[in-house]
N, C-alpha and C. Protein backbone atom coordinates (compact mmCIF):
# COMPACT_ATOMS: atom_id res chain seq x y z
N UNK A 1 0.59 -1.53 -0.20
CA UNK A 1 -0.08 0.62 0.35
C UNK A 1 0.80 1.11 0.19
N UNK A 2 0.70 2.43 -0.81
CA UNK A 2 1.41 3.15 -0.63
C UNK A 2 0.23 4.50 -0.18
N UNK A 3 1.64 5.28 0.66
CA UNK A 3 1.13 6.03 1.72
C UNK A 3 1.13 7.40 0.47
N UNK A 4 0.11 8.12 0.43
CA UNK A 4 0.25 9.27 -0.75
C UNK A 4 -0.80 10.91 0.11
N UNK A 5 -1.22 10.63 1.11
CA UNK A 5 -1.31 12.06 1.52
C UNK A 5 -1.26 11.66 3.67
N UNK A 6 -1.95 12.86 4.26
CA UNK A 6 -1.37 12.60 5.84
C UNK A 6 -3.06 12.12 5.98
N UNK A 7 -2.43 11.44 7.66
CA UNK A 7 -3.57 10.63 8.07
C UNK A 7 -2.97 10.42 9.14
N UNK A 8 -4.40 10.71 10.35
CA UNK A 8 -4.03 10.42 11.31
C UNK A 8 -5.11 9.27 12.29
N UNK A 9 -4.89 8.99 13.31
CA UNK A 9 -6.39 7.80 14.02
C UNK A 9 -5.41 7.97 15.49
N UNK A 10 -6.34 7.95 16.51
CA UNK A 10 -6.56 7.77 17.67
C UNK A 10 -6.12 9.09 18.53
N UNK A 11 -6.20 9.06 19.46
CA UNK A 11 -6.53 10.39 20.71
C UNK A 11 -5.15 10.31 21.18
N UNK A 12 -5.34 11.67 22.43
CA UNK A 12 -4.14 11.12 23.64
C UNK A 12 -4.26 11.10 24.34
N UNK A 13 -5.45 10.31 24.95
CA UNK A 13 -6.28 9.65 25.98
C UNK A 13 -5.26 8.85 26.55
N UNK A 14 -5.11 8.57 28.09
CA UNK A 14 -4.91 7.48 28.71
C UNK A 14 -5.32 6.16 28.01
N UNK A 15 -4.02 4.98 28.18
CA UNK A 15 -4.20 3.93 27.22
C UNK A 15 -4.83 4.07 25.19
N UNK A 16 -4.55 4.95 25.06
CA UNK A 16 -4.90 5.46 23.72
C UNK A 16 -3.30 5.86 22.72
N UNK A 17 -3.48 5.50 21.84
CA UNK A 17 -2.24 5.74 20.99
C UNK A 17 -2.91 7.38 19.91
N UNK A 18 -1.51 7.72 19.49
CA UNK A 18 -1.89 8.71 18.09
C UNK A 18 -1.04 8.68 17.48
N UNK A 19 -1.63 8.12 15.84
CA UNK A 19 -0.45 8.10 15.43
C UNK A 19 -1.09 8.82 14.01
N UNK A 20 0.24 9.64 13.37
CA UNK A 20 0.17 10.20 12.43
C UNK A 20 1.37 9.89 11.15
N UNK A 21 0.41 9.74 9.73
CA UNK A 21 1.05 8.82 9.01
C UNK A 21 1.23 9.79 7.74
N UNK A 22 2.55 10.12 6.78
CA UNK A 22 2.73 11.30 5.90
C UNK A 22 3.51 10.47 4.85
N UNK A 23 3.47 10.92 3.55
CA UNK A 23 4.69 10.21 2.78
C UNK A 23 5.92 10.59 2.64
N UNK A 24 6.45 9.51 2.63
CA UNK A 24 8.40 9.91 2.68
C UNK A 24 8.61 9.17 1.57
N UNK A 25 9.58 9.10 0.60
CA UNK A 25 10.54 8.21 0.21
C UNK A 25 11.29 6.88 0.96
N UNK A 26 11.31 7.27 2.27
CA UNK A 26 12.16 5.98 2.39
C UNK A 26 11.17 5.81 3.96
N UNK A 27 10.94 4.64 4.52
CA UNK A 27 10.27 4.49 5.87
C UNK A 27 11.08 4.83 7.12
N UNK A 28 10.58 6.08 7.61
CA UNK A 28 10.41 6.17 9.26
C UNK A 28 9.47 6.20 10.47
N UNK A 29 10.28 5.89 11.53
CA UNK A 29 9.07 5.94 12.36
C UNK A 29 9.84 6.34 13.85
N UNK A 30 9.08 7.17 14.05
CA UNK A 30 9.37 7.66 15.55
C UNK A 30 7.97 7.14 16.35
N UNK A 31 8.68 6.90 17.48
CA UNK A 31 7.89 6.67 18.41
C UNK A 31 7.82 7.47 20.09
N UNK A 32 6.73 8.30 20.29
CA UNK A 32 7.04 8.83 21.75
C UNK A 32 6.29 8.00 22.52
N UNK A 33 6.23 7.62 24.33
CA UNK A 33 5.72 6.81 24.86
C UNK A 33 6.38 6.87 26.03
N UNK A 34 4.62 6.84 27.22
CA UNK A 34 5.42 6.48 28.38
C UNK A 34 5.52 5.76 28.77
N UNK A 35 5.50 4.46 28.12
CA UNK A 35 6.08 3.33 28.32
C UNK A 35 7.29 2.66 27.70
N UNK A 36 8.09 4.00 27.05
CA UNK A 36 9.46 3.90 26.62
C UNK A 36 10.08 2.47 26.63
N UNK A 37 10.77 2.83 27.80
CA UNK A 37 11.50 2.50 28.20
C UNK A 37 11.23 0.53 28.92
N UNK A 38 9.93 0.74 29.02
CA UNK A 38 9.71 -1.08 29.38
C UNK A 38 9.15 -1.64 28.35
N UNK A 39 8.46 -1.02 27.34
CA UNK A 39 7.75 -1.86 26.03
C UNK A 39 8.13 -1.09 24.63
N UNK A 40 9.02 -0.38 24.56
CA UNK A 40 9.48 -0.24 23.36
C UNK A 40 10.04 -0.59 22.52
N UNK A 41 11.07 -1.92 22.32
CA UNK A 41 10.72 -2.80 21.34
C UNK A 41 9.49 -3.71 20.98
N UNK A 42 8.65 -4.17 21.88
CA UNK A 42 7.75 -4.20 21.53
C UNK A 42 6.72 -3.53 20.72
N UNK A 43 6.49 -1.35 21.20
CA UNK A 43 5.29 -1.67 20.34
C UNK A 43 6.36 -1.28 18.84
N UNK A 44 7.51 -1.01 18.65
CA UNK A 44 8.07 -0.99 17.42
C UNK A 44 7.50 -2.19 16.49
N UNK A 45 7.77 -3.34 17.41
CA UNK A 45 7.79 -4.65 16.45
C UNK A 45 6.43 -4.76 16.28
N UNK A 46 5.48 -4.37 16.94
CA UNK A 46 4.12 -4.24 16.46
C UNK A 46 4.03 -3.29 15.02
N UNK A 47 4.10 -2.13 15.78
CA UNK A 47 3.71 -1.05 14.59
C UNK A 47 4.51 -1.76 13.20
N UNK A 48 5.54 -2.36 13.23
CA UNK A 48 6.44 -3.00 11.72
C UNK A 48 6.05 -3.94 10.98
N UNK A 49 5.04 -4.42 12.36
CA UNK A 49 4.30 -5.58 11.75
C UNK A 49 3.11 -5.17 10.73
N UNK A 50 2.40 -5.01 11.48
CA UNK A 50 1.34 -4.23 10.47
C UNK A 50 1.20 -3.55 9.52
N UNK A 51 2.93 -2.61 9.52
CA UNK A 51 3.03 -2.44 7.90
C UNK A 51 3.41 -2.92 7.40
N UNK A 52 4.30 -4.12 7.60
CA UNK A 52 4.69 -5.61 6.92
C UNK A 52 3.56 -6.12 6.46
N UNK A 53 2.51 -5.79 7.24
CA UNK A 53 1.27 -6.91 7.06
C UNK A 53 0.39 -6.42 5.63
N UNK A 54 0.03 -4.69 6.04
CA UNK A 54 -0.13 -4.22 4.95
C UNK A 54 0.55 -3.67 3.70
N UNK A 55 1.90 -4.01 3.54
CA UNK A 55 2.98 -3.69 2.25
C UNK A 55 3.37 -2.56 1.85
N UNK A 56 3.47 -1.85 3.43
CA UNK A 56 4.26 -0.47 3.47
C UNK A 56 5.38 -0.45 3.66
N UNK A 57 6.33 0.22 2.40
CA UNK A 57 7.82 0.06 2.43
C UNK A 57 8.15 1.61 2.21
N UNK A 58 7.22 2.86 2.62
CA UNK A 58 7.92 3.64 2.46
C UNK A 58 6.95 4.88 3.25
N UNK A 59 7.30 5.81 3.78
CA UNK A 59 6.27 6.33 4.85
C UNK A 59 7.12 7.02 5.86
N UNK A 60 6.58 8.35 6.55
CA UNK A 60 7.11 8.32 7.90
C UNK A 60 5.70 8.18 9.02
N UNK A 61 6.10 7.65 9.88
CA UNK A 61 5.08 7.25 11.46
C UNK A 61 5.63 8.03 12.22
N UNK A 62 4.43 8.52 12.84
CA UNK A 62 4.84 9.16 13.92
C UNK A 62 3.90 8.95 14.93
N UNK A 63 3.81 7.97 16.23
CA UNK A 63 2.84 7.58 16.98
C UNK A 63 3.53 8.24 18.54
N UNK A 64 2.41 9.29 19.06
CA UNK A 64 2.32 9.79 20.58
C UNK A 64 1.85 8.05 21.53
N UNK A 65 2.40 7.10 22.35
CA UNK A 65 1.84 6.23 23.08
C UNK A 65 1.21 7.18 24.67
N UNK A 66 0.21 6.80 25.01
CA UNK A 66 -0.03 6.74 26.12
C UNK A 66 -0.56 5.49 27.15
N UNK A 67 0.39 4.52 26.70
CA UNK A 67 -0.34 3.35 27.71
C UNK A 67 -0.92 2.50 26.43
N UNK A 68 -1.08 2.49 25.41
CA UNK A 68 -1.90 1.08 24.56
C UNK A 68 -1.52 0.22 24.14
N UNK A 69 -2.45 -1.03 24.62
CA UNK A 69 -2.17 -2.39 24.57
C UNK A 69 -2.32 -2.53 22.74
N UNK A 70 -1.58 -3.59 22.71
CA UNK A 70 -1.11 -4.44 21.64
C UNK A 70 -2.22 -4.46 20.59
N UNK A 71 -3.55 -4.59 20.76
CA UNK A 71 -4.44 -4.49 19.42
C UNK A 71 -4.85 -3.07 19.25
N UNK A 72 -4.76 -2.41 20.43
CA UNK A 72 -5.32 -0.76 19.79
C UNK A 72 -3.95 -0.10 19.35
N UNK A 73 -2.76 -0.60 19.65
CA UNK A 73 -1.72 -0.02 18.18
C UNK A 73 -1.79 -0.85 17.04
N UNK A 74 -2.28 -2.24 17.17
CA UNK A 74 -2.55 -2.36 15.71
C UNK A 74 -3.37 -1.99 15.30
N UNK A 75 -5.00 -1.38 15.25
CA UNK A 75 -6.00 -0.69 14.85
C UNK A 75 -5.64 0.67 14.82
N UNK A 76 -5.11 1.30 15.37
CA UNK A 76 -4.89 2.95 15.22
C UNK A 76 -3.96 2.91 14.00
N UNK A 77 -2.64 1.74 14.25
CA UNK A 77 -1.40 2.18 12.98
C UNK A 77 -2.30 1.73 11.32
N UNK A 78 -2.99 0.80 11.35
CA UNK A 78 -4.07 0.55 10.45
C UNK A 78 -4.84 1.07 9.45
N UNK A 79 -5.49 1.83 10.46
CA UNK A 79 -6.24 2.77 10.14
C UNK A 79 -6.07 4.14 9.51
N UNK A 80 -4.67 4.83 10.18
CA UNK A 80 -4.05 5.51 10.03
C UNK A 80 -3.00 5.47 8.46
N UNK A 81 -3.23 3.94 8.57
CA UNK A 81 -2.68 4.19 7.14
C UNK A 81 -3.22 3.65 6.28
N UNK A 82 -4.62 3.17 6.14
CA UNK A 82 -5.41 3.00 5.04
C UNK A 82 -5.80 3.99 4.34
N UNK A 83 -6.25 5.28 5.29
CA UNK A 83 -6.45 6.49 5.27
C UNK A 83 -5.76 7.10 4.45
N UNK A 84 -4.88 7.02 5.35
CA UNK A 84 -3.19 7.78 4.17
C UNK A 84 -3.30 7.12 2.89
N UNK A 85 -3.89 6.19 2.65
CA UNK A 85 -3.49 5.42 1.20
C UNK A 85 -4.87 5.59 0.28
N UNK A 86 -5.47 6.40 0.59
CA UNK A 86 -6.99 6.79 0.23
C UNK A 86 -8.07 5.90 0.20
N UNK A 87 -8.20 5.01 0.86
CA UNK A 87 -9.12 3.83 1.49
C UNK A 87 -10.15 4.38 2.19
N UNK A 88 -11.41 4.27 2.16
CA UNK A 88 -12.63 4.76 3.15
C UNK A 88 -13.03 3.75 4.20
C-alpha cells in the first residue's frame, strides 16, 4: 500500500495511541511513549508488523503512545495507513 496523503488515527487519552502517517521516500518511524523504556521494543515490533502486513515500504509514521495495548496499537496504525492510502 502506498501512503499518498497525511492521515491520523487515535487520541492522546490515557491507554490510547495517536498515529500520524505521511508520505516519505523511505520508511521512518518515530515513537514517543510513556512506557518507552519498558515496552519500546514491543511497540516498535507491533507497528512494523502492521506495516509489513499492509505492504507499506515507505512513509513517515509518528506515534504518541499513552499506554495502549497491542490490539489498540494495531488498530490505530492500520486505520491511519488505510486513510493515508486513500481507503474509506
